[in-house]
Amino acid sequence: MTAATASDVARFVKSNGVRRLNVMGGEFLCHLGWEEILGILAGSVGELAMRLVSNGDWAGGAKLRRRGVDFLAAHQSIYVALSLDEWHTNRHVEAARKACEQAGIVCVMAPKEESESPPVPVGRHIFGIDSMLGMFGCYCHAPDRKYHFLVDEEGLISKCQFGIWTYDRIGHYLDGGFRERFKQFHGAFHGAFVASCHRCAMEWMSAKGEMLKNARE
């Protein structure tokens, strides 16, 4: 993500009454412009309304740990969710937790924050239905997540937090109007009798194949 896109996201958030941000998608503190971008995003929401998902590796070195702690302490809208799970090394999670605690930064272990869920699902039900949950439910269909949506690093909006079902751009709603658009899309999506990651993925791949076919023709 660029600082320009972050500025558009911040404007979009303010204009459309978005209440909370969940910033993730790779370790953000590896981005060369992380301080500028996170600062822009943090300014768009209220206190403790922006969750920054991190693997904690920034706490492995004294210099970056100091920069990270100083930045987080100066931005009261941000709280940290540390990934403590089988998909990360977890090498510096405890050091990150202690650094945040000592500086008075709100910090949680992401899997424990939302029962047994990781920060965002890894798509284990997309290409194989291995449980009743995979057949009759999906992450975004849960009542507490019904109004979630994804904005990616290019400003594309998707209902699915994996980026499936991209349907618009934030640039079209910088001055408002997204709430009405999302209600329309949301109503159609949640009106389905059976919704699952598997079904969405199959529908998305089918639609993408049709688009490629039409482009060739």
Protein backbone atom coordinates (compact mmCIF):
# COMPACT_ATOMS: atom_id res chain seq x y z
CA MET A 1 0.00 0.00 0.00
CA THR A 2 1.16 3.52 -0.78
CA ALA A 3 0.69 6.58 1.42
CA ALA A 4 -1.66 7.99 -1.25
CA THR A 5 -3.90 4.91 -1.06
CA ALA A 6 -3.79 5.04 2.74
CA SER A 7 -4.99 8.66 2.56
CA ASP A 8 -7.88 7.59 0.34
CA VAL A 9 -8.73 4.77 2.75
CA ALA A 10 -8.73 7.22 5.67
CA ARG A 11 -11.03 9.58 3.77
CA PHE A 12 -13.30 6.67 2.82
CA VAL A 13 -13.44 5.50 6.45
CA LYS A 14 -14.40 8.95 7.77
CA SER A 15 -16.93 9.69 5.02
CA ASN A 16 -18.75 6.37 5.34
CA GLY A 17 -18.84 5.95 9.11
CA VAL A 18 -16.57 2.89 9.29
CA ARG A 19 -16.08 2.22 12.99
CA ARG A 20 -13.19 -0.22 13.17
CA LEU A 21 -10.11 -1.16 11.16
CA ASN A 22 -8.24 -4.45 11.13
CA VAL A 23 -4.86 -3.87 9.48
CA MET A 24 -3.08 -7.00 8.30
CA GLY A 25 -1.83 -8.88 5.28
CA GLY A 26 1.82 -9.67 5.80
CA GLU A 27 3.93 -8.18 8.59
CA PHE A 28 3.21 -4.48 8.19
CA LEU A 29 6.33 -3.30 9.98
CA CYS A 30 8.38 -4.78 7.10
CA HIS A 31 6.92 -2.08 4.83
CA LEU A 32 9.44 0.71 4.26
CA GLY A 33 6.72 3.32 4.77
CA TRP A 34 4.97 1.67 7.71
CA GLU A 35 5.09 4.66 10.05
CA GLU A 36 3.55 7.07 7.57
CA ILE A 37 0.88 4.66 6.37
CA LEU A 38 -0.15 3.39 9.80
CA GLY A 39 -0.20 6.96 11.09
CA ILE A 40 -2.61 7.99 8.31
CA LEU A 41 -4.91 5.03 8.95
CA ALA A 42 -4.80 5.48 12.73
CA GLY A 43 -6.02 9.06 12.33
CA SER A 44 -9.25 7.92 10.68
CA VAL A 45 -10.78 6.12 13.68
CA GLY A 46 -11.30 6.65 17.39
CA GLU A 47 -9.41 5.33 20.40
CA LEU A 48 -8.60 1.59 20.32
CA ALA A 49 -10.53 1.20 17.06
CA MET A 50 -7.67 -0.02 14.86
CA ARG A 51 -6.29 -3.52 15.34
CA LEU A 52 -2.80 -4.11 13.99
CA VAL A 53 -2.11 -7.81 13.45
CA SER A 54 1.56 -8.65 13.88
CA ASN A 55 3.84 -11.67 14.21
CA GLY A 56 5.95 -9.75 16.73
CA ASP A 57 9.23 -10.16 14.87
CA TRP A 58 9.87 -6.42 15.16
CA ALA A 59 10.68 -7.05 18.83
CA GLY A 60 13.66 -9.21 17.90
CA GLY A 61 16.01 -6.24 17.43
CA ALA A 62 16.49 -3.35 19.85
CA LYS A 63 16.34 -0.54 17.26
CA LEU A 64 13.14 -1.63 15.51
CA ARG A 65 11.57 -2.61 18.83
CA ARG A 66 12.15 0.94 20.12
CA ARG A 67 10.70 2.46 16.93
CA GLY A 68 7.68 0.19 17.09
CA VAL A 69 6.98 0.86 20.75
CA ASP A 70 7.43 4.63 20.40
CA PHE A 71 5.08 4.72 17.41
CA LEU A 72 2.38 2.59 19.02
CA ALA A 73 2.54 4.55 22.28
CA ALA A 74 1.96 7.76 20.33
CA HIS A 75 -1.14 6.44 18.52
CA GLN A 76 -3.90 5.65 20.99
CA SER A 77 -6.29 4.38 18.30
CA ILE A 78 -4.08 1.31 17.68
CA TYR A 79 -4.00 -1.91 19.66
CA VAL A 80 -1.85 -4.90 18.76
CA ALA A 81 -3.01 -8.46 18.06
CA LEU A 82 -0.05 -10.84 18.14
CA SER A 83 -0.29 -13.98 16.01
CA LEU A 84 0.47 -16.95 18.22
CA ASP A 85 -0.32 -19.94 16.03
CA GLU A 86 1.07 -22.73 13.89
CA TRP A 87 1.47 -20.48 10.83
CA HIS A 88 4.17 -18.29 12.40
CA THR A 89 7.50 -18.95 14.09
CA ASN A 90 6.32 -17.23 17.31
CA ARG A 91 9.99 -16.52 17.99
CA HIS A 92 9.57 -12.95 19.26
CA VAL A 93 5.92 -12.92 20.33
CA GLU A 94 6.71 -12.89 24.04
CA ALA A 95 9.27 -10.10 23.61
CA ALA A 96 6.69 -8.06 21.68
CA ARG A 97 4.06 -8.68 24.34
CA LYS A 98 6.40 -7.56 27.13
CA ALA A 99 7.50 -4.48 25.20
CA CYS A 100 3.88 -3.43 24.67
CA GLU A 101 2.95 -4.15 28.27
CA GLN A 102 5.83 -2.09 29.65
CA ALA A 103 4.89 0.85 27.41
CA GLY A 104 1.18 0.68 28.28
CA ILE A 105 0.16 -0.43 24.78
CA VAL A 106 -2.95 -2.60 24.59
CA CYS A 107 -1.89 -6.00 23.26
CA VAL A 108 -3.78 -9.29 22.86
CA MET A 109 -2.91 -12.75 21.58
CA ALA A 110 -5.04 -12.95 18.45
CA PRO A 111 -6.30 -16.57 18.64
CA LYS A 112 -7.41 -16.13 22.25
CA GLU A 113 -9.24 -12.90 21.49
CA GLU A 114 -11.90 -14.57 19.35
CA SER A 115 -12.36 -18.06 20.81
CA GLU A 116 -10.27 -20.43 18.70
CA SER A 117 -10.20 -18.38 15.52
CA PRO A 118 -6.92 -17.11 14.03
CA PRO A 119 -6.73 -13.39 13.09
CA VAL A 120 -8.45 -14.29 9.83
CA PRO A 121 -9.20 -17.81 8.55
CA VAL A 122 -6.64 -19.54 6.34
CA GLY A 123 -9.22 -20.88 3.89
CA ARG A 124 -9.15 -24.49 5.02
CA HIS A 125 -12.67 -25.05 3.67
CA ILE A 126 -12.13 -23.59 0.22
CA PHE A 127 -11.03 -26.69 -1.67
CA GLY A 128 -12.44 -29.41 0.54
CA ILE A 129 -15.41 -29.69 2.87
CA ASP A 130 -14.05 -31.45 5.95
CA SER A 131 -16.63 -30.44 8.54
CA MET A 132 -20.23 -29.35 8.94
CA LEU A 133 -18.93 -25.81 9.48
CA GLY A 134 -17.34 -25.88 6.05
CA MET A 135 -20.60 -27.01 4.44
CA PHE A 136 -23.15 -24.81 6.17
CA GLY A 137 -21.22 -21.81 7.43
CA CYS A 138 -18.47 -19.38 6.62
CA TYR A 139 -16.37 -16.87 8.49
CA CYS A 140 -18.12 -13.77 7.18
CA HIS A 141 -21.63 -15.17 7.72
CA ALA A 142 -21.32 -15.14 11.52
CA PRO A 143 -23.51 -12.41 13.09
CA ASP A 144 -20.54 -10.55 14.56
CA ARG A 145 -18.80 -10.44 11.17
CA LYS A 146 -21.72 -9.82 8.81
CA TYR A 147 -20.76 -6.23 8.13
CA HIS A 148 -17.05 -6.81 7.63
CA PHE A 149 -15.46 -6.16 4.25
CA LEU A 150 -11.95 -6.03 2.83
CA VAL A 151 -10.12 -3.08 1.31
CA ASP A 152 -6.88 -4.26 -0.29
CA GLU A 153 -3.62 -2.39 -0.91
CA GLU A 154 -4.95 -1.01 -4.21
CA GLY A 155 -8.23 0.25 -2.77
CA LEU A 156 -10.42 -2.56 -4.11
CA ILE A 157 -13.40 -3.56 -1.95
CA SER A 158 -14.39 -7.20 -1.38
CA LYS A 159 -17.05 -8.74 0.81
CA CYS A 160 -14.78 -11.72 1.39
CA GLN A 161 -11.75 -11.12 3.57
CA PHE A 162 -9.71 -13.35 1.26
CA GLY A 163 -10.30 -10.88 -1.57
CA ILE A 164 -12.88 -13.02 -3.37
CA TRP A 165 -15.91 -11.13 -4.76
CA THR A 166 -14.16 -7.83 -5.46
CA TYR A 167 -16.98 -5.54 -6.48
CA ASP A 168 -15.99 -1.89 -6.21
CA ARG A 169 -13.30 0.69 -5.43
CA ILE A 170 -13.03 3.08 -2.49
CA GLY A 171 -12.37 5.87 -4.99
CA HIS A 172 -16.07 5.84 -5.87
CA TYR A 173 -17.07 6.57 -2.27
CA LEU A 174 -14.49 9.02 -0.92
CA ASP A 175 -17.27 11.45 -0.01
CA GLY A 176 -19.82 8.87 1.19
CA GLY A 177 -22.51 6.67 -0.34
CA PHE A 178 -20.88 3.33 0.42
CA ARG A 179 -23.26 2.41 3.23
CA GLU A 180 -26.22 2.21 0.85
CA ARG A 181 -24.20 0.27 -1.73
CA PHE A 182 -22.99 -2.19 0.86
CA LYS A 183 -26.47 -2.78 2.27
CA GLN A 184 -27.64 -3.77 -1.20
CA PHE A 185 -24.74 -6.16 -1.72
CA HIS A 186 -24.90 -7.46 1.84
CA GLY A 187 -28.61 -8.27 1.56
CA ALA A 188 -28.09 -10.40 -1.54
CA PHE A 189 -25.09 -12.20 -0.07
CA HIS A 190 -26.70 -13.09 3.25
CA GLY A 191 -29.99 -14.04 1.65
CA ALA A 192 -28.38 -17.26 0.38
CA PHE A 193 -29.64 -20.45 2.06
CA VAL A 194 -26.21 -22.10 2.21
CA ALA A 195 -23.09 -19.96 2.25
CA SER A 196 -19.59 -21.34 2.55
CA CYS A 197 -16.01 -20.53 1.60
CA HIS A 198 -16.10 -23.49 -0.79
CA ARG A 199 -19.17 -22.23 -2.60
CA CYS A 200 -17.84 -18.67 -2.87
CA ALA A 201 -14.53 -19.87 -4.24
CA MET A 202 -16.22 -22.04 -6.86
CA GLU A 203 -18.53 -19.21 -7.92
CA TRP A 204 -15.61 -16.78 -8.10
CA MET A 205 -13.50 -19.12 -10.24
CA SER A 206 -16.46 -19.77 -12.53
CA ALA A 207 -17.08 -16.04 -12.99
CA LYS A 208 -13.38 -15.38 -13.57
CA GLY A 209 -13.26 -18.14 -16.21
CA GLU A 210 -16.24 -16.60 -18.01
CA MET A 211 -14.57 -13.18 -18.00
CA LEU A 212 -11.37 -14.62 -19.51
CA LYS A 213 -13.39 -16.46 -22.14
CA ASN A 214 -15.24 -13.29 -23.12
CA ALA A 215 -11.97 -11.36 -23.27
CA ARG A 216 -10.49 -13.91 -25.67
CA GLU A 217 -13.57 -13.80 -27.87
